[in-house]
Amino acid sequence: MKKTFFALTIILLCNLAFADEIRDKRALKAAGLSLIVPGAGQIYNEKFLKSGLAFGTEVTFLSLALYNYSKSEKFHDDYKESGLQSDLEKYNDYYDKKQNYFFWLGASAFAFTVDAFVDAHLQDYLDTKNKIHLKFEAQSIILNVNF
């Protein structure tokens, strides 16, 4: 399941990078920055609160994964020395937690990368929306387009 999710993420990012329909280089740059450095794509889009959320989330998941990795290695070494079932159970518990945190790290990195891409892609939306006005008045429809 996790390997499939990772493979689909890589395929999606490659499709985004090489898609002919995507002409907005700004969106690709924001997604790339967000993928490389947590929150950098959001900073590029000037979404500073989202940037802090992205950075905090990804650093938290990475820290928890590394902590559980170190604990699992400790109990793995203890199990090799003692052969106690309790050490093996603790190792398995910390190993599963480590795997889960790495999964959530990848999922959050993917979500924040997509968020940075979409924010950059839709940045000009409000300007475009304000240029076109459609008014409904009695017996008429008025379309006003500003250039």
N, C-alpha and C. Protein backbone atom coordinates (compact mmCIF):
# COMPACT_ATOMS: atom_id res chain seq x y z
N MET A 1 0.83 -1.19 0.00
CA MET A 1 0.00 0.00 0.00
C MET A 1 0.87 1.25 0.00
N LYS A 2 1.86 1.29 0.90
CA LYS A 2 2.70 2.48 1.01
C LYS A 2 3.59 2.63 -0.22
N LYS A 3 4.07 1.51 -0.74
CA LYS A 3 4.90 1.58 -1.94
C LYS A 3 4.07 2.04 -3.13
N THR A 4 2.82 1.61 -3.20
CA THR A 4 1.93 2.03 -4.27
C THR A 4 1.66 3.52 -4.18
N PHE A 5 1.41 4.01 -2.97
CA PHE A 5 1.17 5.44 -2.77
C PHE A 5 2.40 6.24 -3.19
N PHE A 6 3.57 5.78 -2.81
CA PHE A 6 4.81 6.47 -3.17
C PHE A 6 4.99 6.47 -4.69
N ALA A 7 4.74 5.34 -5.34
CA ALA A 7 4.89 5.25 -6.80
C ALA A 7 3.91 6.17 -7.50
N LEU A 8 2.67 6.21 -7.03
CA LEU A 8 1.68 7.10 -7.63
C LEU A 8 2.05 8.56 -7.44
N THR A 9 2.62 8.89 -6.31
CA THR A 9 3.06 10.26 -6.06
C THR A 9 4.16 10.65 -7.04
N ILE A 10 5.13 9.79 -7.23
CA ILE A 10 6.22 10.07 -8.17
C ILE A 10 5.67 10.21 -9.59
N ILE A 11 4.76 9.35 -9.98
CA ILE A 11 4.17 9.42 -11.33
C ILE A 11 3.41 10.72 -11.50
N LEU A 12 2.63 11.12 -10.50
CA LEU A 12 1.87 12.36 -10.57
C LEU A 12 2.80 13.57 -10.69
N LEU A 13 3.86 13.59 -9.91
CA LEU A 13 4.80 14.72 -9.96
C LEU A 13 5.52 14.77 -11.31
N CYS A 14 5.85 13.62 -11.87
CA CYS A 14 6.47 13.60 -13.20
C CYS A 14 5.49 14.10 -14.25
N ASN A 15 4.23 13.70 -14.13
CA ASN A 15 3.22 14.18 -15.07
C ASN A 15 3.04 15.69 -14.96
N LEU A 16 3.06 16.20 -13.74
CA LEU A 16 2.94 17.64 -13.55
C LEU A 16 4.14 18.37 -14.16
N ALA A 17 5.30 17.80 -14.01
CA ALA A 17 6.51 18.46 -14.49
C ALA A 17 6.58 18.49 -16.02
N PHE A 18 6.04 17.48 -16.68
CA PHE A 18 6.18 17.39 -18.12
C PHE A 18 4.88 17.57 -18.89
N ALA A 19 3.82 17.97 -18.22
CA ALA A 19 2.54 18.14 -18.89
C ALA A 19 2.56 19.36 -19.81
N ASP A 20 2.05 19.18 -21.03
CA ASP A 20 2.00 20.28 -21.97
C ASP A 20 0.91 21.29 -21.62
N GLU A 21 -0.14 20.84 -20.93
CA GLU A 21 -1.25 21.72 -20.59
C GLU A 21 -0.85 22.76 -19.55
N ILE A 22 0.16 22.46 -18.75
CA ILE A 22 0.56 23.36 -17.67
C ILE A 22 1.60 24.33 -18.23
N ARG A 23 1.20 25.55 -18.39
CA ARG A 23 2.09 26.55 -18.95
C ARG A 23 2.65 27.46 -17.84
N ASP A 24 2.08 27.37 -16.67
CA ASP A 24 2.44 28.27 -15.58
C ASP A 24 3.69 27.77 -14.87
N LYS A 25 4.83 28.35 -15.19
CA LYS A 25 6.09 27.95 -14.57
C LYS A 25 6.11 28.30 -13.09
N ARG A 26 5.37 29.32 -12.70
CA ARG A 26 5.31 29.73 -11.30
C ARG A 26 4.72 28.61 -10.44
N ALA A 27 3.70 27.94 -10.95
CA ALA A 27 3.08 26.85 -10.19
C ALA A 27 4.04 25.68 -10.03
N LEU A 28 4.78 25.34 -11.07
CA LEU A 28 5.74 24.26 -10.98
C LEU A 28 6.88 24.61 -10.03
N LYS A 29 7.31 25.87 -10.04
CA LYS A 29 8.37 26.30 -9.14
C LYS A 29 7.90 26.21 -7.69
N ALA A 30 6.66 26.63 -7.42
CA ALA A 30 6.11 26.56 -6.06
C ALA A 30 6.02 25.11 -5.60
N ALA A 31 5.57 24.22 -6.48
CA ALA A 31 5.47 22.80 -6.12
C ALA A 31 6.85 22.21 -5.87
N GLY A 32 7.81 22.55 -6.71
CA GLY A 32 9.16 22.03 -6.53
C GLY A 32 9.80 22.52 -5.24
N LEU A 33 9.61 23.79 -4.94
CA LEU A 33 10.15 24.33 -3.69
C LEU A 33 9.52 23.64 -2.48
N SER A 34 8.21 23.44 -2.55
CA SER A 34 7.51 22.80 -1.44
C SER A 34 7.94 21.35 -1.26
N LEU A 35 8.26 20.69 -2.36
CA LEU A 35 8.69 19.31 -2.29
C LEU A 35 10.09 19.19 -1.69
N ILE A 36 10.96 20.15 -2.00
CA ILE A 36 12.34 20.10 -1.52
C ILE A 36 12.47 20.57 -0.08
N VAL A 37 11.86 21.72 0.24
CA VAL A 37 11.95 22.29 1.59
C VAL A 37 10.54 22.48 2.12
N PRO A 38 10.20 21.90 3.25
CA PRO A 38 8.84 22.05 3.79
C PRO A 38 8.46 23.51 3.98
N GLY A 39 7.35 23.91 3.34
CA GLY A 39 6.84 25.26 3.49
C GLY A 39 7.42 26.28 2.53
N ALA A 40 8.43 25.93 1.76
CA ALA A 40 9.07 26.89 0.86
C ALA A 40 8.13 27.30 -0.28
N GLY A 41 7.33 26.38 -0.77
CA GLY A 41 6.37 26.72 -1.82
C GLY A 41 5.31 27.68 -1.33
N GLN A 42 4.91 27.51 -0.08
CA GLN A 42 3.92 28.42 0.50
C GLN A 42 4.53 29.81 0.72
N ILE A 43 5.81 29.86 1.12
CA ILE A 43 6.48 31.16 1.26
C ILE A 43 6.57 31.83 -0.11
N TYR A 44 6.89 31.06 -1.13
CA TYR A 44 6.96 31.59 -2.49
C TYR A 44 5.62 32.18 -2.92
N ASN A 45 4.53 31.56 -2.47
CA ASN A 45 3.18 32.05 -2.79
C ASN A 45 2.70 33.12 -1.82
N GLU A 46 3.55 33.48 -0.86
CA GLU A 46 3.24 34.48 0.17
C GLU A 46 2.06 34.04 1.06
N LYS A 47 2.00 32.76 1.35
CA LYS A 47 1.02 32.18 2.28
C LYS A 47 1.80 31.75 3.52
N PHE A 48 2.09 32.72 4.38
CA PHE A 48 3.03 32.50 5.47
C PHE A 48 2.46 31.60 6.57
N LEU A 49 1.17 31.69 6.85
CA LEU A 49 0.57 30.83 7.86
C LEU A 49 0.60 29.37 7.40
N LYS A 50 0.27 29.15 6.14
CA LYS A 50 0.34 27.79 5.59
C LYS A 50 1.78 27.28 5.59
N SER A 51 2.71 28.18 5.37
CA SER A 51 4.11 27.79 5.38
C SER A 51 4.53 27.26 6.74
N GLY A 52 4.13 27.97 7.78
CA GLY A 52 4.44 27.51 9.14
C GLY A 52 3.78 26.18 9.45
N LEU A 53 2.53 26.03 8.99
CA LEU A 53 1.82 24.77 9.20
C LEU A 53 2.52 23.62 8.47
N ALA A 54 2.92 23.86 7.23
CA ALA A 54 3.61 22.82 6.45
C ALA A 54 4.93 22.44 7.09
N PHE A 55 5.71 23.45 7.45
CA PHE A 55 7.01 23.18 8.06
C PHE A 55 6.84 22.43 9.38
N GLY A 56 5.95 22.90 10.22
CA GLY A 56 5.72 22.26 11.52
C GLY A 56 5.24 20.83 11.39
N THR A 57 4.32 20.60 10.47
CA THR A 57 3.77 19.26 10.27
C THR A 57 4.85 18.29 9.79
N GLU A 58 5.58 18.68 8.77
CA GLU A 58 6.57 17.78 8.20
C GLU A 58 7.75 17.55 9.15
N VAL A 59 8.18 18.57 9.85
CA VAL A 59 9.28 18.40 10.81
C VAL A 59 8.83 17.52 11.97
N THR A 60 7.58 17.70 12.41
CA THR A 60 7.06 16.86 13.49
C THR A 60 7.02 15.39 13.09
N PHE A 61 6.48 15.10 11.90
CA PHE A 61 6.43 13.71 11.45
C PHE A 61 7.83 13.13 11.26
N LEU A 62 8.75 13.92 10.73
CA LEU A 62 10.12 13.44 10.56
C LEU A 62 10.78 13.17 11.91
N SER A 63 10.59 14.07 12.86
CA SER A 63 11.17 13.90 14.19
C SER A 63 10.62 12.65 14.88
N LEU A 64 9.31 12.47 14.80
CA LEU A 64 8.71 11.29 15.42
C LEU A 64 9.17 10.00 14.75
N ALA A 65 9.31 10.03 13.43
CA ALA A 65 9.78 8.84 12.72
C ALA A 65 11.21 8.51 13.11
N LEU A 66 12.06 9.51 13.20
CA LEU A 66 13.45 9.26 13.58
C LEU A 66 13.57 8.81 15.04
N TYR A 67 12.76 9.38 15.91
CA TYR A 67 12.76 8.95 17.31
C TYR A 67 12.36 7.47 17.42
N ASN A 68 11.28 7.10 16.73
CA ASN A 68 10.83 5.71 16.77
C ASN A 68 11.83 4.78 16.09
N TYR A 69 12.54 5.28 15.10
CA TYR A 69 13.59 4.48 14.46
C TYR A 69 14.70 4.16 15.46
N SER A 70 15.13 5.18 16.20
CA SER A 70 16.21 4.94 17.17
C SER A 70 15.76 3.99 18.27
N LYS A 71 14.51 4.15 18.73
CA LYS A 71 14.01 3.24 19.77
C LYS A 71 13.88 1.81 19.23
N SER A 72 13.43 1.67 17.99
CA SER A 72 13.29 0.32 17.43
C SER A 72 14.65 -0.35 17.28
N GLU A 73 15.66 0.40 16.89
CA GLU A 73 17.00 -0.16 16.77
C GLU A 73 17.55 -0.59 18.13
N LYS A 74 17.24 0.22 19.16
CA LYS A 74 17.70 -0.12 20.51
C LYS A 74 17.08 -1.45 20.96
N PHE A 75 15.76 -1.58 20.76
CA PHE A 75 15.11 -2.82 21.18
C PHE A 75 15.48 -4.00 20.28
N HIS A 76 15.83 -3.73 19.04
CA HIS A 76 16.29 -4.80 18.17
C HIS A 76 17.64 -5.34 18.68
N ASP A 77 18.52 -4.42 19.06
CA ASP A 77 19.81 -4.85 19.62
C ASP A 77 19.62 -5.58 20.94
N ASP A 78 18.71 -5.07 21.78
CA ASP A 78 18.41 -5.74 23.06
C ASP A 78 17.88 -7.16 22.83
N TYR A 79 17.01 -7.30 21.82
CA TYR A 79 16.45 -8.61 21.53
C TYR A 79 17.54 -9.57 21.04
N LYS A 80 18.48 -9.09 20.25
CA LYS A 80 19.56 -9.94 19.78
C LYS A 80 20.41 -10.45 20.95
N GLU A 81 20.60 -9.58 21.97
CA GLU A 81 21.40 -9.98 23.12
C GLU A 81 20.64 -10.88 24.09
N SER A 82 19.39 -10.50 24.39
CA SER A 82 18.65 -11.21 25.45
C SER A 82 17.75 -12.31 24.91
N GLY A 83 17.18 -12.12 23.73
CA GLY A 83 16.24 -13.10 23.19
C GLY A 83 14.87 -13.05 23.85
N LEU A 84 14.60 -11.99 24.64
CA LEU A 84 13.31 -11.87 25.33
C LEU A 84 12.21 -11.46 24.36
N GLN A 85 11.05 -12.07 24.54
CA GLN A 85 9.88 -11.77 23.70
C GLN A 85 9.42 -10.33 23.89
N SER A 86 9.56 -9.80 25.11
CA SER A 86 9.13 -8.42 25.38
C SER A 86 9.95 -7.41 24.58
N ASP A 87 11.24 -7.68 24.40
CA ASP A 87 12.07 -6.80 23.58
C ASP A 87 11.65 -6.85 22.11
N LEU A 88 11.29 -8.04 21.65
CA LEU A 88 10.83 -8.18 20.27
C LEU A 88 9.51 -7.44 20.06
N GLU A 89 8.61 -7.52 21.04
CA GLU A 89 7.32 -6.82 20.93
C GLU A 89 7.52 -5.31 20.93
N LYS A 90 8.42 -4.82 21.77
CA LYS A 90 8.70 -3.38 21.78
C LYS A 90 9.34 -2.95 20.47
N TYR A 91 10.24 -3.78 19.95
CA TYR A 91 10.85 -3.48 18.65
C TYR A 91 9.77 -3.37 17.57
N ASN A 92 8.88 -4.35 17.52
CA ASN A 92 7.81 -4.35 16.51
C ASN A 92 6.90 -3.13 16.66
N ASP A 93 6.61 -2.76 17.92
CA ASP A 93 5.76 -1.60 18.18
C ASP A 93 6.41 -0.31 17.66
N TYR A 94 7.68 -0.10 18.00
CA TYR A 94 8.37 1.11 17.54
C TYR A 94 8.60 1.08 16.03
N TYR A 95 8.83 -0.10 15.48
CA TYR A 95 9.01 -0.22 14.03
C TYR A 95 7.73 0.19 13.29
N ASP A 96 6.57 -0.30 13.79
CA ASP A 96 5.30 0.05 13.17
C ASP A 96 5.03 1.55 13.28
N LYS A 97 5.34 2.13 14.43
CA LYS A 97 5.15 3.57 14.59
C LYS A 97 6.04 4.35 13.63
N LYS A 98 7.28 3.90 13.48
CA LYS A 98 8.21 4.56 12.55
C LYS A 98 7.66 4.52 11.14
N GLN A 99 7.19 3.36 10.73
CA GLN A 99 6.63 3.22 9.38
C GLN A 99 5.43 4.14 9.18
N ASN A 100 4.56 4.21 10.19
CA ASN A 100 3.39 5.07 10.09
C ASN A 100 3.77 6.53 9.99
N TYR A 101 4.72 6.97 10.78
CA TYR A 101 5.13 8.38 10.73
C TYR A 101 5.80 8.72 9.40
N PHE A 102 6.58 7.80 8.85
CA PHE A 102 7.16 8.06 7.53
C PHE A 102 6.07 8.13 6.46
N PHE A 103 5.04 7.29 6.59
CA PHE A 103 3.92 7.36 5.65
C PHE A 103 3.24 8.73 5.74
N TRP A 104 2.95 9.17 6.96
CA TRP A 104 2.27 10.46 7.12
C TRP A 104 3.16 11.62 6.71
N LEU A 105 4.46 11.47 6.85
CA LEU A 105 5.38 12.49 6.35
C LEU A 105 5.25 12.61 4.83
N GLY A 106 5.25 11.49 4.16
CA GLY A 106 5.10 11.50 2.70
C GLY A 106 3.74 12.04 2.27
N ALA A 107 2.69 11.64 2.97
CA ALA A 107 1.35 12.11 2.62
C ALA A 107 1.22 13.62 2.83
N SER A 108 1.78 14.13 3.92
CA SER A 108 1.69 15.57 4.18
C SER A 108 2.57 16.34 3.19
N ALA A 109 3.73 15.81 2.86
CA ALA A 109 4.58 16.47 1.86
C ALA A 109 3.86 16.54 0.51
N PHE A 110 3.20 15.46 0.15
CA PHE A 110 2.43 15.44 -1.10
C PHE A 110 1.30 16.46 -1.06
N ALA A 111 0.56 16.50 0.05
CA ALA A 111 -0.58 17.43 0.18
C ALA A 111 -0.11 18.88 0.13
N PHE A 112 0.98 19.19 0.82
CA PHE A 112 1.46 20.57 0.81
C PHE A 112 2.09 20.94 -0.53
N THR A 113 2.64 19.98 -1.25
CA THR A 113 3.15 20.25 -2.59
C THR A 113 2.00 20.57 -3.55
N VAL A 114 0.95 19.80 -3.48
CA VAL A 114 -0.23 20.07 -4.30
C VAL A 114 -0.85 21.42 -3.91
N ASP A 115 -0.89 21.71 -2.62
CA ASP A 115 -1.42 22.99 -2.16
C ASP A 115 -0.62 24.16 -2.73
N ALA A 116 0.69 24.07 -2.70
CA ALA A 116 1.53 25.14 -3.24
C ALA A 116 1.31 25.29 -4.74
N PHE A 117 1.18 24.17 -5.45
CA PHE A 117 0.93 24.21 -6.89
C PHE A 117 -0.39 24.90 -7.19
N VAL A 118 -1.44 24.51 -6.49
CA VAL A 118 -2.78 25.08 -6.74
C VAL A 118 -2.82 26.56 -6.36
N ASP A 119 -2.23 26.93 -5.23
CA ASP A 119 -2.20 28.34 -4.83
C ASP A 119 -1.50 29.20 -5.89
N ALA A 120 -0.38 28.73 -6.40
CA ALA A 120 0.35 29.50 -7.40
C ALA A 120 -0.43 29.55 -8.72
N HIS A 121 -1.07 28.45 -9.06
CA HIS A 121 -1.81 28.38 -10.31
C HIS A 121 -3.03 29.31 -10.28
N LEU A 122 -3.67 29.45 -9.13
CA LEU A 122 -4.88 30.26 -9.01
C LEU A 122 -4.62 31.67 -8.50
N GLN A 123 -3.38 32.09 -8.44
CA GLN A 123 -3.06 33.38 -7.87
C GLN A 123 -3.68 34.53 -8.67
N ASP A 124 -3.74 34.41 -9.96
CA ASP A 124 -4.30 35.47 -10.80
C ASP A 124 -5.82 35.38 -10.95
N TYR A 125 -6.43 34.43 -10.28
CA TYR A 125 -7.87 34.21 -10.44
C TYR A 125 -8.68 35.43 -10.00
N LEU A 126 -8.37 36.03 -8.85
CA LEU A 126 -9.14 37.17 -8.36
C LEU A 126 -9.00 38.37 -9.29
N ASP A 127 -7.82 38.59 -9.84
CA ASP A 127 -7.65 39.69 -10.79
C ASP A 127 -8.51 39.47 -12.03
N THR A 128 -8.51 38.26 -12.53
CA THR A 128 -9.32 37.94 -13.70
C THR A 128 -10.80 38.06 -13.37
N LYS A 129 -11.19 37.59 -12.20
CA LYS A 129 -12.60 37.64 -11.78
C LYS A 129 -13.07 39.08 -11.68
N ASN A 130 -12.24 39.98 -11.18
CA ASN A 130 -12.64 41.37 -11.03
C ASN A 130 -12.71 42.11 -12.36
N LYS A 131 -12.14 41.56 -13.42
CA LYS A 131 -12.20 42.21 -14.72
C LYS A 131 -13.52 41.96 -15.44
N ILE A 132 -14.23 40.94 -15.05
CA ILE A 132 -15.48 40.59 -15.73
C ILE A 132 -16.64 40.75 -14.76
N HIS A 133 -17.63 41.57 -15.17
CA HIS A 133 -18.81 41.80 -14.34
C HIS A 133 -20.05 41.48 -15.17
N LEU A 134 -20.91 40.70 -14.61
CA LEU A 134 -22.17 40.36 -15.26
C LEU A 134 -23.29 40.86 -14.35
N LYS A 135 -24.12 41.79 -14.88
CA LYS A 135 -25.20 42.38 -14.09
C LYS A 135 -26.53 42.03 -14.73
N PHE A 136 -27.48 41.68 -13.88
CA PHE A 136 -28.83 41.41 -14.33
C PHE A 136 -29.73 42.54 -13.86
N GLU A 137 -30.29 43.27 -14.80
CA GLU A 137 -31.21 44.35 -14.47
C GLU A 137 -32.54 44.04 -15.16
N ALA A 138 -33.50 44.83 -14.86
CA ALA A 138 -34.83 44.61 -15.43
C ALA A 138 -34.75 44.58 -16.96
N GLN A 139 -35.16 43.51 -17.54
CA GLN A 139 -35.23 43.32 -18.98
C GLN A 139 -33.89 43.35 -19.70
N SER A 140 -32.75 43.31 -18.96
CA SER A 140 -31.46 43.34 -19.67
C SER A 140 -30.37 42.63 -18.86
N ILE A 141 -29.37 42.22 -19.59
CA ILE A 141 -28.17 41.63 -18.99
C ILE A 141 -27.00 42.46 -19.47
N ILE A 142 -26.19 42.93 -18.54
CA ILE A 142 -25.06 43.79 -18.89
C ILE A 142 -23.76 43.03 -18.58
N LEU A 143 -22.92 42.91 -19.60
CA LEU A 143 -21.61 42.29 -19.44
C LEU A 143 -20.56 43.37 -19.57
N ASN A 144 -19.77 43.56 -18.52
CA ASN A 144 -18.74 44.59 -18.50
C ASN A 144 -17.38 43.89 -18.36
N VAL A 145 -16.50 44.11 -19.35
CA VAL A 145 -15.17 43.49 -19.32
C VAL A 145 -14.14 44.62 -19.30
N ASN A 146 -13.29 44.62 -18.30
CA ASN A 146 -12.21 45.63 -18.18
C ASN A 146 -10.88 45.00 -18.60
N PHE A 147 -10.12 45.73 -19.37
CA PHE A 147 -8.83 45.23 -19.82
C PHE A 147 -7.71 45.90 -19.12
